[in-house]
């Protein structure tokens, strides 16, 4: 794969059914091993329980604070700089507990594909 730069475009943000806003920073057939999405959860909001089949996901918290729940683990407080690693098939959700947007990168390997997303 040749080297190149993908530019984030804030105008492409869309609302995803799980309860957050998404910008697909990098998610394409030319890089099938990984995808990167910028997720934004509004204050007081929480995503729905869901899991990704055959896809490991990592949340890299960029801004804000929240409460993340993964599998059967107790809820955990997260803030800027934290990384949450979510194994394939584990249920997950995240809540914004702050007064400003909770913004994080969702990094998936292999890349995110809608047919591997399952709401609970």
PDB file of N, CA and C in Angstrom:
ATOM      1  N   UNK A   1       0.860  -1.182   0.000  1.00  0.00           N
ATOM      2  CA  UNK A   1       0.000   0.000   0.000  1.00  0.00           C
ATOM      3  C   UNK A   1       0.900   1.238   0.000  1.00  0.00           C
ATOM      4  N   UNK A   2       0.664   2.152  -0.909  1.00  0.00           N
ATOM      5  CA  UNK A   2       1.480   3.377  -0.936  1.00  0.00           C
ATOM      6  C   UNK A   2       1.113   4.306   0.221  1.00  0.00           C
ATOM      7  N   UNK A   3       2.058   5.118   0.622  1.00  0.00           N
ATOM      8  CA  UNK A   3       1.814   6.100   1.685  1.00  0.00           C
ATOM      9  C   UNK A   3       0.981   7.254   1.142  1.00  0.00           C
ATOM     10  N   UNK A   4       0.058   7.750   1.950  1.00  0.00           N
ATOM     11  CA  UNK A   4      -0.731   8.927   1.595  1.00  0.00           C
ATOM     12  C   UNK A   4      -1.403   9.463   2.848  1.00  0.00           C
ATOM     13  N   UNK A   5      -2.029  10.611   2.737  1.00  0.00           N
ATOM     14  CA  UNK A   5      -2.666  11.265   3.877  1.00  0.00           C
ATOM     15  C   UNK A   5      -4.167  11.336   3.636  1.00  0.00           C
ATOM     16  N   UNK A   6      -4.933  10.917   4.629  1.00  0.00           N
ATOM     17  CA  UNK A   6      -6.387  11.085   4.601  1.00  0.00           C
ATOM     18  C   UNK A   6      -6.702  12.266   5.506  1.00  0.00           C
ATOM     19  N   UNK A   7      -7.477  13.183   5.023  1.00  0.00           N
ATOM     20  CA  UNK A   7      -7.815  14.395   5.771  1.00  0.00           C
ATOM     21  C   UNK A   7      -9.169  14.230   6.450  1.00  0.00           C
ATOM     22  N   UNK A   8      -9.224  14.579   7.730  1.00  0.00           N
ATOM     23  CA  UNK A   8     -10.498  14.570   8.459  1.00  0.00           C
ATOM     24  C   UNK A   8     -11.379  15.703   7.939  1.00  0.00           C
ATOM     25  N   UNK A   9     -12.632  15.402   7.674  1.00  0.00           N
ATOM     26  CA  UNK A   9     -13.575  16.400   7.180  1.00  0.00           C
ATOM     27  C   UNK A   9     -14.747  16.483   8.163  1.00  0.00           C
ATOM     28  N   UNK A  10     -14.759  17.541   8.987  1.00  0.00           N
ATOM     29  CA  UNK A  10     -15.799  17.691  10.008  1.00  0.00           C
ATOM     30  C   UNK A  10     -17.200  17.783   9.401  1.00  0.00           C
ATOM     31  N   UNK A  11     -17.305  18.166   8.146  1.00  0.00           N
ATOM     32  CA  UNK A  11     -18.608  18.281   7.492  1.00  0.00           C
ATOM     33  C   UNK A  11     -19.231  16.930   7.168  1.00  0.00           C
ATOM     34  N   UNK A  12     -18.483  15.841   7.323  1.00  0.00           N
ATOM     35  CA  UNK A  12     -19.027  14.512   7.018  1.00  0.00           C
ATOM     36  C   UNK A  12     -19.628  13.835   8.250  1.00  0.00           C
ATOM     37  N   UNK A  13     -19.665  14.532   9.378  1.00  0.00           N
ATOM     38  CA  UNK A  13     -20.210  13.928  10.603  1.00  0.00           C
ATOM     39  C   UNK A  13     -21.665  13.526  10.400  1.00  0.00           C
ATOM     40  N   UNK A  14     -22.009  12.334  10.881  1.00  0.00           N
ATOM     41  CA  UNK A  14     -23.396  11.855  10.819  1.00  0.00           C
ATOM     42  C   UNK A  14     -23.772  11.223  12.152  1.00  0.00           C
ATOM     43  N   UNK A  15     -25.076  11.152  12.390  1.00  0.00           N
ATOM     44  CA  UNK A  15     -25.572  10.537  13.625  1.00  0.00           C
ATOM     45  C   UNK A  15     -25.722   9.041  13.388  1.00  0.00           C
ATOM     46  N   UNK A  16     -25.097   8.255  14.253  1.00  0.00           N
ATOM     47  CA  UNK A  16     -25.175   6.798  14.142  1.00  0.00           C
ATOM     48  C   UNK A  16     -26.215   6.275  15.123  1.00  0.00           C
ATOM     49  N   UNK A  17     -26.938   5.257  14.730  1.00  0.00           N
ATOM     50  CA  UNK A  17     -28.078   4.732  15.477  1.00  0.00           C
ATOM     51  C   UNK A  17     -27.768   4.326  16.916  1.00  0.00           C
ATOM     52  N   UNK A  18     -26.522   4.085  17.259  1.00  0.00           N
ATOM     53  CA  UNK A  18     -26.210   3.670  18.627  1.00  0.00           C
ATOM     54  C   UNK A  18     -26.255   4.834  19.616  1.00  0.00           C
ATOM     55  N   UNK A  19     -26.276   6.081  19.091  1.00  0.00           N
ATOM     56  CA  UNK A  19     -26.408   7.236  19.970  1.00  0.00           C
ATOM     57  C   UNK A  19     -25.219   8.166  20.004  1.00  0.00           C
ATOM     58  N   UNK A  20     -24.455   8.204  18.917  1.00  0.00           N
ATOM     59  CA  UNK A  20     -23.315   9.121  18.867  1.00  0.00           C
ATOM     60  C   UNK A  20     -23.155   9.656  17.445  1.00  0.00           C
ATOM     61  N   UNK A  21     -22.328  10.668  17.322  1.00  0.00           N
ATOM     62  CA  UNK A  21     -22.024  11.277  16.029  1.00  0.00           C
ATOM     63  C   UNK A  21     -20.674  10.743  15.564  1.00  0.00           C
ATOM     64  N   UNK A  22     -20.571  10.426  14.281  1.00  0.00           N
ATOM     65  CA  UNK A  22     -19.379   9.764  13.743  1.00  0.00           C
ATOM     66  C   UNK A  22     -18.823  10.519  12.547  1.00  0.00           C
ATOM     67  N   UNK A  23     -17.498  10.603  12.492  1.00  0.00           N
ATOM     68  CA  UNK A  23     -16.773  11.003  11.289  1.00  0.00           C
ATOM     69  C   UNK A  23     -15.854   9.831  10.944  1.00  0.00           C
ATOM     70  N   UNK A  24     -16.017   9.277   9.761  1.00  0.00           N
ATOM     71  CA  UNK A  24     -15.140   8.199   9.306  1.00  0.00           C
ATOM     72  C   UNK A  24     -13.825   8.828   8.851  1.00  0.00           C
ATOM     73  N   UNK A  25     -12.829   8.801   9.712  1.00  0.00           N
ATOM     74  CA  UNK A  25     -11.529   9.389   9.389  1.00  0.00           C
ATOM     75  C   UNK A  25     -10.806   8.522   8.362  1.00  0.00           C
ATOM     76  N   UNK A  26     -10.856   7.212   8.571  1.00  0.00           N
ATOM     77  CA  UNK A  26     -10.233   6.270   7.644  1.00  0.00           C
ATOM     78  C   UNK A  26     -10.962   4.941   7.735  1.00  0.00           C
ATOM     79  N   UNK A  27     -11.674   4.597   6.681  1.00  0.00           N
ATOM     80  CA  UNK A  27     -12.389   3.320   6.633  1.00  0.00           C
ATOM     81  C   UNK A  27     -12.666   2.999   5.168  1.00  0.00           C
ATOM     82  N   UNK A  28     -11.746   2.227   4.566  1.00  0.00           N
ATOM     83  CA  UNK A  28     -11.896   1.945   3.145  1.00  0.00           C
ATOM     84  C   UNK A  28     -11.255   0.607   2.778  1.00  0.00           C
ATOM     85  N   UNK A  29     -11.656   0.109   1.623  1.00  0.00           N
ATOM     86  CA  UNK A  29     -11.146  -1.168   1.127  1.00  0.00           C
ATOM     87  C   UNK A  29      -9.633  -1.158   0.926  1.00  0.00           C
ATOM     88  N   UNK A  30      -9.052   0.014   0.672  1.00  0.00           N
ATOM     89  CA  UNK A  30      -7.618   0.068   0.424  1.00  0.00           C
ATOM     90  C   UNK A  30      -6.782  -0.084   1.698  1.00  0.00           C
ATOM     91  N   UNK A  31      -7.448  -0.104   2.878  1.00  0.00           N
ATOM     92  CA  UNK A  31      -6.771  -0.319   4.157  1.00  0.00           C
ATOM     93  C   UNK A  31      -7.653  -1.231   5.014  1.00  0.00           C
ATOM     94  N   UNK A  32      -7.786  -2.500   4.636  1.00  0.00           N
ATOM     95  CA  UNK A  32      -8.760  -3.390   5.275  1.00  0.00           C
ATOM     96  C   UNK A  32      -8.419  -3.818   6.702  1.00  0.00           C
ATOM     97  N   UNK A  33      -7.201  -3.594   7.131  1.00  0.00           N
ATOM     98  CA  UNK A  33      -6.783  -4.071   8.450  1.00  0.00           C
ATOM     99  C   UNK A  33      -7.162  -3.159   9.598  1.00  0.00           C
ATOM    100  N   UNK A  34      -7.605  -1.928   9.288  1.00  0.00           N
ATOM    101  CA  UNK A  34      -7.842  -0.957  10.350  1.00  0.00           C
ATOM    102  C   UNK A  34      -8.800   0.125   9.885  1.00  0.00           C
ATOM    103  N   UNK A  35      -9.619   0.616  10.817  1.00  0.00           N
ATOM    104  CA  UNK A  35     -10.419   1.815  10.551  1.00  0.00           C
ATOM    105  C   UNK A  35     -10.308   2.737  11.755  1.00  0.00           C
ATOM    106  N   UNK A  36     -10.493   4.023  11.477  1.00  0.00           N
ATOM    107  CA  UNK A  36     -10.457   5.040  12.526  1.00  0.00           C
ATOM    108  C   UNK A  36     -11.673   5.931  12.341  1.00  0.00           C
ATOM    109  N   UNK A  37     -12.476   6.042  13.390  1.00  0.00           N
ATOM    110  CA  UNK A  37     -13.633   6.941  13.382  1.00  0.00           C
ATOM    111  C   UNK A  37     -13.504   7.891  14.557  1.00  0.00           C
ATOM    112  N   UNK A  38     -13.951   9.118  14.354  1.00  0.00           N
ATOM    113  CA  UNK A  38     -14.030  10.087  15.448  1.00  0.00           C
ATOM    114  C   UNK A  38     -15.467  10.053  15.939  1.00  0.00           C
ATOM    115  N   UNK A  39     -15.648   9.697  17.201  1.00  0.00           N
ATOM    116  CA  UNK A  39     -16.980   9.601  17.796  1.00  0.00           C
ATOM    117  C   UNK A  39     -17.192  10.768  18.754  1.00  0.00           C
ATOM    118  N   UNK A  40     -18.430  11.253  18.783  1.00  0.00           N
ATOM    119  CA  UNK A  40     -18.789  12.359  19.680  1.00  0.00           C
ATOM    120  C   UNK A  40     -20.109  12.019  20.363  1.00  0.00           C
ATOM    121  N   UNK A  41     -20.075  12.015  21.697  1.00  0.00           N
ATOM    122  CA  UNK A  41     -21.265  11.766  22.504  1.00  0.00           C
ATOM    123  C   UNK A  41     -21.598  13.059  23.240  1.00  0.00           C
ATOM    124  N   UNK A  42     -22.818  13.512  23.088  1.00  0.00           N
ATOM    125  CA  UNK A  42     -23.233  14.769  23.709  1.00  0.00           C
ATOM    126  C   UNK A  42     -23.384  14.615  25.219  1.00  0.00           C
ATOM    127  N   UNK A  43     -23.269  15.731  25.967  1.00  0.00           N
ATOM    128  CA  UNK A  43     -23.405  15.685  27.430  1.00  0.00           C
ATOM    129  C   UNK A  43     -24.714  15.012  27.849  1.00  0.00           C
ATOM    130  N   UNK A  44     -24.606  14.128  28.834  1.00  0.00           N
ATOM    131  CA  UNK A  44     -25.773  13.446  29.369  1.00  0.00           C
ATOM    132  C   UNK A  44     -26.267  12.279  28.540  1.00  0.00           C
ATOM    133  N   UNK A  45     -25.666  12.033  27.394  1.00  0.00           N
ATOM    134  CA  UNK A  45     -26.114  10.954  26.513  1.00  0.00           C
ATOM    135  C   UNK A  45     -25.262   9.703  26.719  1.00  0.00           C
ATOM    136  N   UNK A  46     -25.815   8.566  26.293  1.00  0.00           N
ATOM    137  CA  UNK A  46     -25.142   7.276  26.419  1.00  0.00           C
ATOM    138  C   UNK A  46     -25.404   6.466  25.158  1.00  0.00           C
ATOM    139  N   UNK A  47     -24.402   5.769  24.668  1.00  0.00           N
ATOM    140  CA  UNK A  47     -24.619   4.903  23.516  1.00  0.00           C
ATOM    141  C   UNK A  47     -25.376   3.651  23.956  1.00  0.00           C
ATOM    142  N   UNK A  48     -25.973   2.986  22.997  1.00  0.00           N
ATOM    143  CA  UNK A  48     -26.700   1.743  23.270  1.00  0.00           C
ATOM    144  C   UNK A  48     -25.712   0.592  23.421  1.00  0.00           C
ATOM    145  N   UNK A  49     -26.143  -0.430  24.174  1.00  0.00           N
ATOM    146  CA  UNK A  49     -25.341  -1.647  24.238  1.00  0.00           C
ATOM    147  C   UNK A  49     -25.194  -2.196  22.821  1.00  0.00           C
ATOM    148  N   UNK A  50     -23.993  -2.600  22.474  1.00  0.00           N
ATOM    149  CA  UNK A  50     -23.738  -3.190  21.162  1.00  0.00           C
ATOM    150  C   UNK A  50     -22.448  -4.000  21.229  1.00  0.00           C
ATOM    151  N   UNK A  51     -22.200  -4.756  20.169  1.00  0.00           N
ATOM    152  CA  UNK A  51     -20.922  -5.452  20.040  1.00  0.00           C
ATOM    153  C   UNK A  51     -20.548  -5.538  18.577  1.00  0.00           C
ATOM    154  N   UNK A  52     -19.274  -5.789  18.327  1.00  0.00           N
ATOM    155  CA  UNK A  52     -18.760  -5.969  16.974  1.00  0.00           C
ATOM    156  C   UNK A  52     -18.274  -7.404  16.825  1.00  0.00           C
ATOM    157  N   UNK A  53     -18.788  -8.094  15.833  1.00  0.00           N
ATOM    158  CA  UNK A  53     -18.399  -9.470  15.573  1.00  0.00           C
ATOM    159  C   UNK A  53     -17.059  -9.489  14.839  1.00  0.00           C
ATOM    160  N   UNK A  54     -16.126 -10.288  15.321  1.00  0.00           N
ATOM    161  CA  UNK A  54     -14.831 -10.503  14.674  1.00  0.00           C
ATOM    162  C   UNK A  54     -14.032  -9.206  14.486  1.00  0.00           C
ATOM    163  N   UNK A  55     -14.259  -8.221  15.345  1.00  0.00           N
ATOM    164  CA  UNK A  55     -13.576  -6.936  15.245  1.00  0.00           C
ATOM    165  C   UNK A  55     -13.195  -6.454  16.639  1.00  0.00           C
ATOM    166  N   UNK A  56     -11.917  -6.184  16.855  1.00  0.00           N
ATOM    167  CA  UNK A  56     -11.454  -5.594  18.104  1.00  0.00           C
ATOM    168  C   UNK A  56     -11.526  -4.082  17.967  1.00  0.00           C
ATOM    169  N   UNK A  57     -11.999  -3.418  19.028  1.00  0.00           N
ATOM    170  CA  UNK A  57     -12.140  -1.965  18.990  1.00  0.00           C
ATOM    171  C   UNK A  57     -11.371  -1.345  20.146  1.00  0.00           C
ATOM    172  N   UNK A  58     -10.840  -0.163  19.884  1.00  0.00           N
ATOM    173  CA  UNK A  58     -10.161   0.603  20.922  1.00  0.00           C
ATOM    174  C   UNK A  58     -10.750   2.000  20.932  1.00  0.00           C
ATOM    175  N   UNK A  59     -11.075   2.497  22.123  1.00  0.00           N
ATOM    176  CA  UNK A  59     -11.493   3.889  22.281  1.00  0.00           C
ATOM    177  C   UNK A  59     -10.286   4.659  22.788  1.00  0.00           C
ATOM    178  N   UNK A  60      -9.893   5.697  22.095  1.00  0.00           N
ATOM    179  CA  UNK A  60      -8.835   6.598  22.551  1.00  0.00           C
ATOM    180  C   UNK A  60      -9.537   7.902  22.913  1.00  0.00           C
ATOM    181  N   UNK A  61      -9.640   8.175  24.204  1.00  0.00           N
ATOM    182  CA  UNK A  61     -10.384   9.339  24.669  1.00  0.00           C
ATOM    183  C   UNK A  61      -9.553  10.592  24.411  1.00  0.00           C
ATOM    184  N   UNK A  62     -10.149  11.532  23.640  1.00  0.00           N
ATOM    185  CA  UNK A  62      -9.459  12.770  23.287  1.00  0.00           C
ATOM    186  C   UNK A  62      -9.902  13.949  24.137  1.00  0.00           C
ATOM    187  N   UNK A  63     -11.208  14.043  24.379  1.00  0.00           N
ATOM    188  CA  UNK A  63     -11.762  15.175  25.138  1.00  0.00           C
ATOM    189  C   UNK A  63     -12.950  14.695  25.964  1.00  0.00           C
ATOM    190  N   UNK A  64     -13.119  15.332  27.114  1.00  0.00           N
ATOM    191  CA  UNK A  64     -14.276  15.058  27.946  1.00  0.00           C
ATOM    192  C   UNK A  64     -14.038  13.928  28.926  1.00  0.00           C
ATOM    193  N   UNK A  65     -15.134  13.523  29.542  1.00  0.00           N
ATOM    194  CA  UNK A  65     -15.071  12.427  30.514  1.00  0.00           C
ATOM    195  C   UNK A  65     -16.319  11.583  30.375  1.00  0.00           C
ATOM    196  N   UNK A  66     -16.183  10.322  30.755  1.00  0.00           N
ATOM    197  CA  UNK A  66     -17.317   9.425  30.608  1.00  0.00           C
ATOM    198  C   UNK A  66     -17.223   8.227  31.511  1.00  0.00           C
ATOM    199  N   UNK A  67     -18.189   7.354  31.311  1.00  0.00           N
ATOM    200  CA  UNK A  67     -18.272   6.096  32.044  1.00  0.00           C
ATOM    201  C   UNK A  67     -18.438   5.010  30.986  1.00  0.00           C
ATOM    202  N   UNK A  68     -17.481   4.085  30.918  1.00  0.00           N
ATOM    203  CA  UNK A  68     -17.524   3.037  29.913  1.00  0.00           C
ATOM    204  C   UNK A  68     -17.855   1.709  30.577  1.00  0.00           C
ATOM    205  N   UNK A  69     -18.637   0.901  29.860  1.00  0.00           N
ATOM    206  CA  UNK A  69     -18.983  -0.442  30.323  1.00  0.00           C
ATOM    207  C   UNK A  69     -18.613  -1.412  29.205  1.00  0.00           C
ATOM    208  N   UNK A  70     -17.827  -2.439  29.564  1.00  0.00           N
ATOM    209  CA  UNK A  70     -17.378  -3.437  28.607  1.00  0.00           C
ATOM    210  C   UNK A  70     -17.578  -4.815  29.209  1.00  0.00           C
ATOM    211  N   UNK A  71     -18.313  -5.666  28.488  1.00  0.00           N
ATOM    212  CA  UNK A  71     -18.555  -7.024  28.962  1.00  0.00           C
ATOM    213  C   UNK A  71     -19.204  -7.018  30.328  1.00  0.00           C
ATOM    214  N   UNK A  72     -18.696  -7.855  31.222  1.00  0.00           N
ATOM    215  CA  UNK A  72     -19.226  -7.943  32.584  1.00  0.00           C
ATOM    216  C   UNK A  72     -18.385  -7.157  33.586  1.00  0.00           C
ATOM    217  N   UNK A  73     -17.442  -6.367  33.092  1.00  0.00           N
ATOM    218  CA  UNK A  73     -16.605  -5.553  33.973  1.00  0.00           C
ATOM    219  C   UNK A  73     -17.444  -4.431  34.587  1.00  0.00           C
ATOM    220  N   UNK A  74     -17.089  -3.982  35.801  1.00  0.00           N
ATOM    221  CA  UNK A  74     -17.813  -2.854  36.395  1.00  0.00           C
ATOM    222  C   UNK A  74     -17.579  -1.588  35.571  1.00  0.00           C
ATOM    223  N   UNK A  75     -18.521  -0.649  35.579  1.00  0.00           N
ATOM    224  CA  UNK A  75     -18.333   0.618  34.861  1.00  0.00           C
ATOM    225  C   UNK A  75     -17.034   1.294  35.305  1.00  0.00           C
ATOM    226  N   UNK A  76     -16.365   1.935  34.351  1.00  0.00           N
ATOM    227  CA  UNK A  76     -15.089   2.587  34.645  1.00  0.00           C
ATOM    228  C   UNK A  76     -15.110   4.023  34.125  1.00  0.00           C
ATOM    229  N   UNK A  77     -14.576   4.931  34.920  1.00  0.00           N
ATOM    230  CA  UNK A  77     -14.458   6.328  34.532  1.00  0.00           C
ATOM    231  C   UNK A  77     -13.323   6.448  33.516  1.00  0.00           C
ATOM    232  N   UNK A  78     -13.559   7.218  32.445  1.00  0.00           N
ATOM    233  CA  UNK A  78     -12.529   7.467  31.441  1.00  0.00           C
ATOM    234  C   UNK A  78     -12.430   8.962  31.181  1.00  0.00           C
ATOM    235  N   UNK A  79     -11.229   9.392  30.793  1.00  0.00           N
ATOM    236  CA  UNK A  79     -10.988  10.805  30.496  1.00  0.00           C
ATOM    237  C   UNK A  79      -9.891  10.905  29.454  1.00  0.00           C
ATOM    238  N   UNK A  80      -9.587  12.110  29.046  1.00  0.00           N
ATOM    239  CA  UNK A  80      -8.602  12.364  28.017  1.00  0.00           C
ATOM    240  C   UNK A  80      -7.304  11.604  28.276  1.00  0.00           C
ATOM    241  N   UNK A  81      -6.826  10.902  27.258  1.00  0.00           N
ATOM    242  CA  UNK A  81      -5.594  10.136  27.361  1.00  0.00           C
ATOM    243  C   UNK A  81      -5.795   8.661  27.635  1.00  0.00           C
ATOM    244  N   UNK A  82      -6.981   8.273  28.075  1.00  0.00           N
ATOM    245  CA  UNK A  82      -7.249   6.869  28.364  1.00  0.00           C
ATOM    246  C   UNK A  82      -7.524   6.091  27.082  1.00  0.00           C
ATOM    247  N   UNK A  83      -7.195   4.794  27.108  1.00  0.00           N
ATOM    248  CA  UNK A  83      -7.477   3.885  26.004  1.00  0.00           C
ATOM    249  C   UNK A  83      -8.264   2.706  26.562  1.00  0.00           C
ATOM    250  N   UNK A  84      -9.398   2.417  25.932  1.00  0.00           N
ATOM    251  CA  UNK A  84     -10.242   1.285  26.313  1.00  0.00           C
ATOM    252  C   UNK A  84     -10.104   0.242  25.216  1.00  0.00           C
ATOM    253  N   UNK A  85      -9.724  -0.984  25.576  1.00  0.00           N
ATOM    254  CA  UNK A  85      -9.559  -2.050  24.590  1.00  0.00           C
ATOM    255  C   UNK A  85     -10.734  -3.015  24.733  1.00  0.00           C
ATOM    256  N   UNK A  86     -11.433  -3.219  23.624  1.00  0.00           N
ATOM    257  CA  UNK A  86     -12.662  -4.012  23.629  1.00  0.00           C
ATOM    258  C   UNK A  86     -12.480  -5.184  22.667  1.00  0.00           C
ATOM    259  N   UNK A  87     -12.426  -6.384  23.212  1.00  0.00           N
ATOM    260  CA  UNK A  87     -12.232  -7.573  22.391  1.00  0.00           C
ATOM    261  C   UNK A  87     -13.447  -7.819  21.500  1.00  0.00           C
ATOM    262  N   UNK A  88     -13.213  -8.480  20.396  1.00  0.00           N
ATOM    263  CA  UNK A  88     -14.300  -8.832  19.480  1.00  0.00           C
ATOM    264  C   UNK A  88     -15.391  -9.586  20.228  1.00  0.00           C
ATOM    265  N   UNK A  89     -16.634  -9.215  19.975  1.00  0.00           N
ATOM    266  CA  UNK A  89     -17.779  -9.895  20.576  1.00  0.00           C
ATOM    267  C   UNK A  89     -18.184  -9.404  21.952  1.00  0.00           C
ATOM    268  N   UNK A  90     -17.405  -8.506  22.570  1.00  0.00           N
ATOM    269  CA  UNK A  90     -17.760  -8.002  23.901  1.00  0.00           C
ATOM    270  C   UNK A  90     -18.780  -6.879  23.787  1.00  0.00           C
ATOM    271  N   UNK A  91     -19.810  -6.946  24.628  1.00  0.00           N
ATOM    272  CA  UNK A  91     -20.788  -5.862  24.638  1.00  0.00           C
ATOM    273  C   UNK A  91     -20.143  -4.630  25.241  1.00  0.00           C
ATOM    274  N   UNK A  92     -20.636  -3.462  24.783  1.00  0.00           N
ATOM    275  CA  UNK A  92     -20.023  -2.212  25.200  1.00  0.00           C
ATOM    276  C   UNK A  92     -21.005  -1.058  25.081  1.00  0.00           C
ATOM    277  N   UNK A  93     -20.762  -0.046  25.900  1.00  0.00           N
ATOM    278  CA  UNK A  93     -21.446   1.235  25.763  1.00  0.00           C
ATOM    279  C   UNK A  93     -20.656   2.266  26.541  1.00  0.00           C
ATOM    280  N   UNK A  94     -20.884   3.550  26.201  1.00  0.00           N
ATOM    281  CA  UNK A  94     -20.170   4.627  26.877  1.00  0.00           C
ATOM    282  C   UNK A  94     -21.137   5.780  27.111  1.00  0.00           C
ATOM    283  N   UNK A  95     -20.994   6.409  28.252  1.00  0.00           N
ATOM    284  CA  UNK A  95     -21.856   7.526  28.654  1.00  0.00           C
ATOM    285  C   UNK A  95     -20.999   8.772  28.851  1.00  0.00           C
ATOM    286  N   UNK A  96     -21.516   9.899  28.406  1.00  0.00           N
ATOM    287  CA  UNK A  96     -20.847  11.168  28.651  1.00  0.00           C
ATOM    288  C   UNK A  96     -21.333  11.689  29.997  1.00  0.00           C
ATOM    289  N   UNK A  97     -20.428  11.784  30.966  1.00  0.00           N
ATOM    290  CA  UNK A  97     -20.783  12.252  32.307  1.00  0.00           C
ATOM    291  C   UNK A  97     -20.353  13.695  32.536  1.00  0.00           C
ATOM    292  N   UNK A  98     -19.789  14.318  31.513  1.00  0.00           N
ATOM    293  CA  UNK A  98     -19.298  15.685  31.645  1.00  0.00           C
ATOM    294  C   UNK A  98     -20.278  16.717  31.126  1.00  0.00           C
ATOM    295  N   UNK A  99     -19.817  17.957  31.093  1.00  0.00           N
ATOM    296  CA  UNK A  99     -20.653  19.077  30.642  1.00  0.00           C
ATOM    297  C   UNK A  99     -20.319  19.515  29.221  1.00  0.00           C
ATOM    298  N   UNK A 100     -19.327  18.886  28.610  1.00  0.00           N
ATOM    299  CA  UNK A 100     -18.988  19.169  27.212  1.00  0.00           C
ATOM    300  C   UNK A 100     -18.972  17.835  26.457  1.00  0.00           C
ATOM    301  N   UNK A 101     -18.830  17.906  25.148  1.00  0.00           N
ATOM    302  CA  UNK A 101     -18.833  16.686  24.343  1.00  0.00           C
ATOM    303  C   UNK A 101     -17.729  15.730  24.773  1.00  0.00           C
ATOM    304  N   UNK A 102     -18.043  14.436  24.750  1.00  0.00           N
ATOM    305  CA  UNK A 102     -17.059  13.378  24.926  1.00  0.00           C
ATOM    306  C   UNK A 102     -16.617  12.982  23.514  1.00  0.00           C
ATOM    307  N   UNK A 103     -15.338  13.148  23.217  1.00  0.00           N
ATOM    308  CA  UNK A 103     -14.820  12.873  21.878  1.00  0.00           C
ATOM    309  C   UNK A 103     -13.724  11.824  21.996  1.00  0.00           C
ATOM    310  N   UNK A 104     -13.840  10.802  21.155  1.00  0.00           N
ATOM    311  CA  UNK A 104     -12.831   9.748  21.170  1.00  0.00           C
ATOM    312  C   UNK A 104     -12.673   9.163  19.774  1.00  0.00           C
ATOM    313  N   UNK A 105     -11.527   8.533  19.561  1.00  0.00           N
ATOM    314  CA  UNK A 105     -11.302   7.769  18.346  1.00  0.00           C
ATOM    315  C   UNK A 105     -11.739   6.340  18.601  1.00  0.00           C
ATOM    316  N   UNK A 106     -12.450   5.768  17.664  1.00  0.00           N
ATOM    317  CA  UNK A 106     -12.797   4.350  17.688  1.00  0.00           C
ATOM    318  C   UNK A 106     -11.942   3.690  16.609  1.00  0.00           C
ATOM    319  N   UNK A 107     -10.979   2.915  17.047  1.00  0.00           N
ATOM    320  CA  UNK A 107     -10.028   2.280  16.135  1.00  0.00           C
ATOM    321  C   UNK A 107     -10.351   0.790  16.095  1.00  0.00           C
ATOM    322  N   UNK A 108     -10.702   0.296  14.922  1.00  0.00           N
ATOM    323  CA  UNK A 108     -11.138  -1.090  14.775  1.00  0.00           C
ATOM    324  C   UNK A 108     -10.171  -1.878  13.908  1.00  0.00           C
ATOM    325  N   UNK A 109      -9.951  -3.139  14.308  1.00  0.00           N
ATOM    326  CA  UNK A 109      -9.172  -4.046  13.472  1.00  0.00           C
ATOM    327  C   UNK A 109      -9.841  -5.430  13.504  1.00  0.00           C
ATOM    328  N   UNK A 110     -10.096  -6.023  12.324  1.00  0.00           N
ATOM    329  CA  UNK A 110     -10.009  -5.354  11.038  1.00  0.00           C
ATOM    330  C   UNK A 110     -10.977  -4.176  10.987  1.00  0.00           C
ATOM    331  N   UNK A 111     -11.014  -3.467   9.878  1.00  0.00           N
ATOM    332  CA  UNK A 111     -11.792  -2.238   9.774  1.00  0.00           C
ATOM    333  C   UNK A 111     -13.271  -2.463  10.077  1.00  0.00           C
ATOM    334  N   UNK A 112     -13.927  -1.408  10.574  1.00  0.00           N
ATOM    335  CA  UNK A 112     -15.356  -1.465  10.887  1.00  0.00           C
ATOM    336  C   UNK A 112     -16.155  -1.718   9.620  1.00  0.00           C
ATOM    337  N   UNK A 113     -17.102  -2.656   9.724  1.00  0.00           N
ATOM    338  CA  UNK A 113     -18.069  -2.910   8.661  1.00  0.00           C
ATOM    339  C   UNK A 113     -19.437  -3.028   9.311  1.00  0.00           C
ATOM    340  N   UNK A 114     -20.403  -2.323   8.768  1.00  0.00           N
ATOM    341  CA  UNK A 114     -21.741  -2.240   9.372  1.00  0.00           C
ATOM    342  C   UNK A 114     -22.363  -3.609   9.603  1.00  0.00           C
ATOM    343  N   UNK A 115     -22.092  -4.559   8.736  1.00  0.00           N
ATOM    344  CA  UNK A 115     -22.703  -5.897   8.898  1.00  0.00           C
ATOM    345  C   UNK A 115     -22.139  -6.667  10.092  1.00  0.00           C
ATOM    346  N   UNK A 116     -21.077  -6.157  10.698  1.00  0.00           N
ATOM    347  CA  UNK A 116     -20.505  -6.792  11.894  1.00  0.00           C
ATOM    348  C   UNK A 116     -20.928  -6.081  13.184  1.00  0.00           C
ATOM    349  N   UNK A 117     -21.789  -5.078  13.050  1.00  0.00           N
ATOM    350  CA  UNK A 117     -22.302  -4.317  14.197  1.00  0.00           C
ATOM    351  C   UNK A 117     -23.631  -4.911  14.625  1.00  0.00           C
ATOM    352  N   UNK A 118     -23.783  -5.171  15.927  1.00  0.00           N
ATOM    353  CA  UNK A 118     -25.029  -5.724  16.452  1.00  0.00           C
ATOM    354  C   UNK A 118     -25.457  -4.964  17.696  1.00  0.00           C
ATOM    355  N   UNK A 119     -26.644  -4.368  17.659  1.00  0.00           N
ATOM    356  CA  UNK A 119     -27.208  -3.713  18.830  1.00  0.00           C
ATOM    357  C   UNK A 119     -27.840  -4.750  19.738  1.00  0.00           C
ATOM    358  N   UNK A 120     -27.897  -4.433  21.016  1.00  0.00           N
ATOM    359  CA  UNK A 120     -28.489  -5.362  22.004  1.00  0.00           C
ATOM    360  C   UNK A 120     -29.738  -4.760  22.613  1.00  0.00           C
TER     361      UNK A 120
END
